[in-house]
């Protein structure tokens, strides 16, 4: 703003006064106040933005470190649980291939899971052992020509064909189609009487 200063002739005893030739209008004063306020708040916002950015960087670095620590702890926990599962499997007599089936988040859960797997394996094994024993006895009977071999403890009731027919009827009552089919094949393979 260019201000012009007028000089006034002074009478004796008067001090010189400087008068402004152009008075500032109200709009100019408002604009000047607005610019000063805007400049002041821009500086304040930029300093706060910078501080906020710095805090965000620190928070991100902290989170990253925490996540890495959590990941490492989780991996170590999984490794520990796998070792416990392997030891539990060995302690209760399961093979290594069954240890991968043992799942849980604590030692108790792993132990329960291992017991369940062992009981399931034992039930399957017992069923197979019964079937194997039964088939071995049938093979011995077939080799003996329809009579029970000595020392087998089985009594032959009727001919082998009658025994197979009785087994077929029992399988039919149970609804075991696979066993019924096997017995039919055995009956067909017998020589005609």
Protein backbone atom coordinates (compact mmCIF):
# COMPACT_ATOMS: atom_id res chain seq x y z
CA UNK A 1 0.00 0.00 0.00
CA UNK A 2 1.32 3.26 -1.01
CA UNK A 3 0.61 5.90 1.52
CA UNK A 4 1.09 9.50 0.69
CA UNK A 5 2.00 11.83 3.42
CA UNK A 6 0.98 15.46 3.33
CA UNK A 7 2.92 18.10 5.05
CA UNK A 8 0.88 20.79 6.63
CA UNK A 9 2.17 24.19 7.50
CA UNK A 10 2.46 24.40 11.18
CA UNK A 11 1.57 27.26 13.35
CA UNK A 12 3.66 28.08 16.34
CA UNK A 13 3.34 25.53 19.10
CA UNK A 14 1.90 22.79 16.89
CA UNK A 15 3.55 19.43 16.38
CA UNK A 16 3.70 17.92 12.94
CA UNK A 17 1.00 15.35 12.20
CA UNK A 18 1.21 12.83 9.51
CA UNK A 19 -2.05 12.27 7.75
CA UNK A 20 -2.80 9.51 5.43
CA UNK A 21 -3.86 10.68 2.05
CA UNK A 22 -5.78 7.48 1.38
CA UNK A 23 -7.81 5.81 4.05
CA UNK A 24 -8.07 2.04 4.04
CA UNK A 25 -11.49 0.83 3.26
CA UNK A 26 -13.29 -1.75 5.39
CA UNK A 27 -13.02 -4.39 2.66
CA UNK A 28 -9.27 -4.00 2.49
CA UNK A 29 -8.97 -4.38 6.25
CA UNK A 30 -11.12 -7.53 6.15
CA UNK A 31 -9.04 -8.96 3.34
CA UNK A 32 -5.80 -8.21 5.18
CA UNK A 33 -7.14 -9.85 8.38
CA UNK A 34 -8.30 -12.88 6.39
CA UNK A 35 -4.89 -13.31 4.73
CA UNK A 36 -3.06 -13.02 8.04
CA UNK A 37 -5.41 -15.56 9.67
CA UNK A 38 -5.12 -17.91 6.70
CA UNK A 39 -1.32 -17.73 6.78
CA UNK A 40 -1.31 -18.34 10.53
CA UNK A 41 -3.58 -21.42 10.29
CA UNK A 42 -1.76 -22.84 7.25
CA UNK A 43 1.46 -22.79 9.24
CA UNK A 44 -0.31 -24.40 12.20
CA UNK A 45 -1.93 -27.09 10.00
CA UNK A 46 1.30 -27.89 8.20
CA UNK A 47 3.13 -28.36 11.50
CA UNK A 48 0.31 -30.58 12.80
CA UNK A 49 0.20 -32.56 9.52
CA UNK A 50 3.91 -33.16 9.79
CA UNK A 51 3.53 -34.32 13.42
CA UNK A 52 0.58 -36.52 12.42
CA UNK A 53 2.59 -38.08 9.58
CA UNK A 54 5.48 -38.78 11.94
CA UNK A 55 3.11 -40.45 14.42
CA UNK A 56 1.59 -42.57 11.65
CA UNK A 57 5.06 -43.74 10.60
CA UNK A 58 5.90 -44.67 14.19
CA UNK A 59 2.59 -46.51 14.58
CA UNK A 60 3.12 -48.42 11.33
CA UNK A 61 6.62 -49.43 12.40
CA UNK A 62 5.28 -50.56 15.79
CA UNK A 63 2.44 -52.54 14.20
CA UNK A 64 4.81 -54.21 11.78
CA UNK A 65 7.10 -55.23 14.63
CA UNK A 66 4.13 -56.52 16.66
CA UNK A 67 2.78 -58.50 13.69
CA UNK A 68 6.18 -60.04 13.08
CA UNK A 69 6.43 -60.99 16.75
CA UNK A 70 2.92 -62.48 16.70
CA UNK A 71 3.71 -64.44 13.53
CA UNK A 72 6.93 -65.78 15.04
CA UNK A 73 5.17 -66.78 18.27
CA UNK A 74 2.38 -68.48 16.29
CA UNK A 75 4.88 -70.46 14.21
CA UNK A 76 6.76 -71.56 17.34
CA UNK A 77 3.44 -72.60 18.94
CA UNK A 78 2.48 -74.66 15.86
CA UNK A 79 5.89 -76.33 15.86
CA UNK A 80 5.58 -77.13 19.58
CA UNK A 81 2.08 -78.58 19.11
CA UNK A 82 3.34 -80.73 16.22
CA UNK A 83 6.12 -82.10 18.42
CA UNK A 84 3.60 -82.80 21.20
CA UNK A 85 1.32 -84.54 18.66
CA UNK A 86 4.23 -86.72 17.47
CA UNK A 87 5.16 -87.66 21.04
CA UNK A 88 1.53 -88.38 21.95
CA UNK A 89 1.14 -90.60 18.90
CA UNK A 90 4.25 -92.57 19.83
CA UNK A 91 3.17 -92.86 23.47
CA UNK A 92 -0.17 -94.43 22.60
CA UNK A 93 1.23 -96.66 19.87
CA UNK A 94 0.25 -94.83 16.67
CA UNK A 95 2.43 -94.75 13.58
CA UNK A 96 4.04 -91.54 12.31
CA UNK A 97 1.43 -91.30 9.54
CA UNK A 98 -1.29 -90.94 12.19
CA UNK A 99 0.48 -88.13 14.06
CA UNK A 100 -0.39 -85.71 11.24
CA UNK A 101 -4.09 -86.41 11.91
CA UNK A 102 -3.84 -85.30 15.53
CA UNK A 103 -5.13 -81.73 15.82
CA UNK A 104 -5.70 -79.37 18.74
CA UNK A 105 -4.72 -76.10 20.39
CA UNK A 106 -3.63 -77.51 23.72
CA UNK A 107 -2.03 -80.64 25.12
CA UNK A 108 -5.39 -81.90 26.36
CA UNK A 109 -7.03 -81.43 22.97
CA UNK A 110 -4.11 -83.20 21.29
CA UNK A 111 -4.40 -86.10 23.74
CA UNK A 112 -8.16 -86.40 23.15
CA UNK A 113 -7.65 -86.29 19.40
CA UNK A 114 -4.95 -88.97 19.60
CA UNK A 115 -7.18 -91.22 21.73
CA UNK A 116 -10.03 -90.81 19.25
CA UNK A 117 -7.77 -91.71 16.33
CA UNK A 118 -6.38 -94.70 18.19
CA UNK A 119 -9.85 -96.02 19.08
CA UNK A 120 -10.96 -95.54 15.46
CA UNK A 121 -7.86 -97.36 14.19
CA UNK A 122 -8.36 -100.16 16.73
CA UNK A 123 -12.01 -100.65 15.75
CA UNK A 124 -11.07 -100.87 12.08
CA UNK A 125 -8.20 -103.22 12.85
CA UNK A 126 -10.43 -105.49 14.93
CA UNK A 127 -13.03 -105.63 12.15
CA UNK A 128 -10.34 -106.54 9.63
CA UNK A 129 -8.85 -109.13 11.96
CA UNK A 130 -12.29 -110.74 12.38
CA UNK A 131 -12.82 -110.79 8.63
CA UNK A 132 -9.34 -112.22 8.03
CA UNK A 133 -9.90 -114.95 10.65
CA UNK A 134 -13.30 -115.77 9.16
CA UNK A 135 -11.89 -115.96 5.63
CA UNK A 136 -8.95 -118.11 6.76
CA UNK A 137 -11.40 -120.56 8.37
CA UNK A 138 -13.46 -120.65 5.19
CA UNK A 139 -10.35 -121.33 3.14
CA UNK A 140 -9.40 -124.18 5.47
CA UNK A 141 -12.93 -125.63 5.14
CA UNK A 142 -12.79 -125.39 1.35
CA UNK A 143 -9.38 -127.08 1.31
CA UNK A 144 -10.71 -129.86 3.56
CA UNK A 145 -13.50 -130.52 1.07
CA UNK A 146 -16.40 -129.22 3.10
CA UNK A 147 -15.50 -130.62 6.49
CA UNK A 148 -13.98 -128.59 9.29
CA UNK A 149 -10.24 -129.13 9.67
CA UNK A 150 -9.00 -130.79 12.83
CA UNK A 151 -8.37 -128.37 15.69
CA UNK A 152 -10.35 -125.53 14.16
CA UNK A 153 -13.05 -125.77 16.80
CA UNK A 154 -15.76 -125.41 14.21
CA UNK A 155 -18.46 -127.97 13.74
CA UNK A 156 -19.64 -128.48 10.23
CA UNK A 157 -23.38 -128.20 10.15
CA UNK A 158 -24.43 -129.69 6.86
CA UNK A 159 -22.43 -129.19 3.70
CA UNK A 160 -20.37 -126.16 2.74
CA UNK A 161 -23.17 -125.08 0.41
CA UNK A 162 -25.63 -125.04 3.32
CA UNK A 163 -23.20 -123.02 5.43
CA UNK A 164 -22.77 -120.46 2.68
CA UNK A 165 -26.55 -120.25 2.21
CA UNK A 166 -26.93 -119.61 5.97
CA UNK A 167 -24.24 -116.90 5.80
CA UNK A 168 -26.05 -115.38 2.81
CA UNK A 169 -29.34 -115.27 4.74
CA UNK A 170 -27.62 -113.59 7.72
CA UNK A 171 -26.02 -110.99 5.42
CA UNK A 172 -29.40 -110.39 3.81
CA UNK A 173 -30.96 -109.72 7.25
CA UNK A 174 -28.18 -107.17 7.96
CA UNK A 175 -28.59 -105.63 4.52
CA UNK A 176 -24.90 -106.18 3.66
CA UNK A 177 -25.03 -106.29 -0.14
CA UNK A 178 -21.28 -106.64 -0.60
CA UNK A 179 -21.10 -109.75 1.59
CA UNK A 180 -24.18 -111.19 -0.11
CA UNK A 181 -22.47 -110.80 -3.48
CA UNK A 182 -19.27 -112.46 -2.23
CA UNK A 183 -21.20 -115.41 -0.81
CA UNK A 184 -23.17 -115.85 -4.07
CA UNK A 185 -19.89 -116.00 -5.97
CA UNK A 186 -18.57 -118.63 -3.55
CA UNK A 187 -21.73 -120.71 -3.97
CA UNK A 188 -21.47 -120.51 -7.78
CA UNK A 189 -17.83 -121.59 -7.63
CA UNK A 190 -18.69 -124.79 -5.70
CA UNK A 191 -18.95 -128.00 -7.68
CA UNK A 192 -22.50 -129.21 -8.34
CA UNK A 193 -23.74 -131.83 -5.92
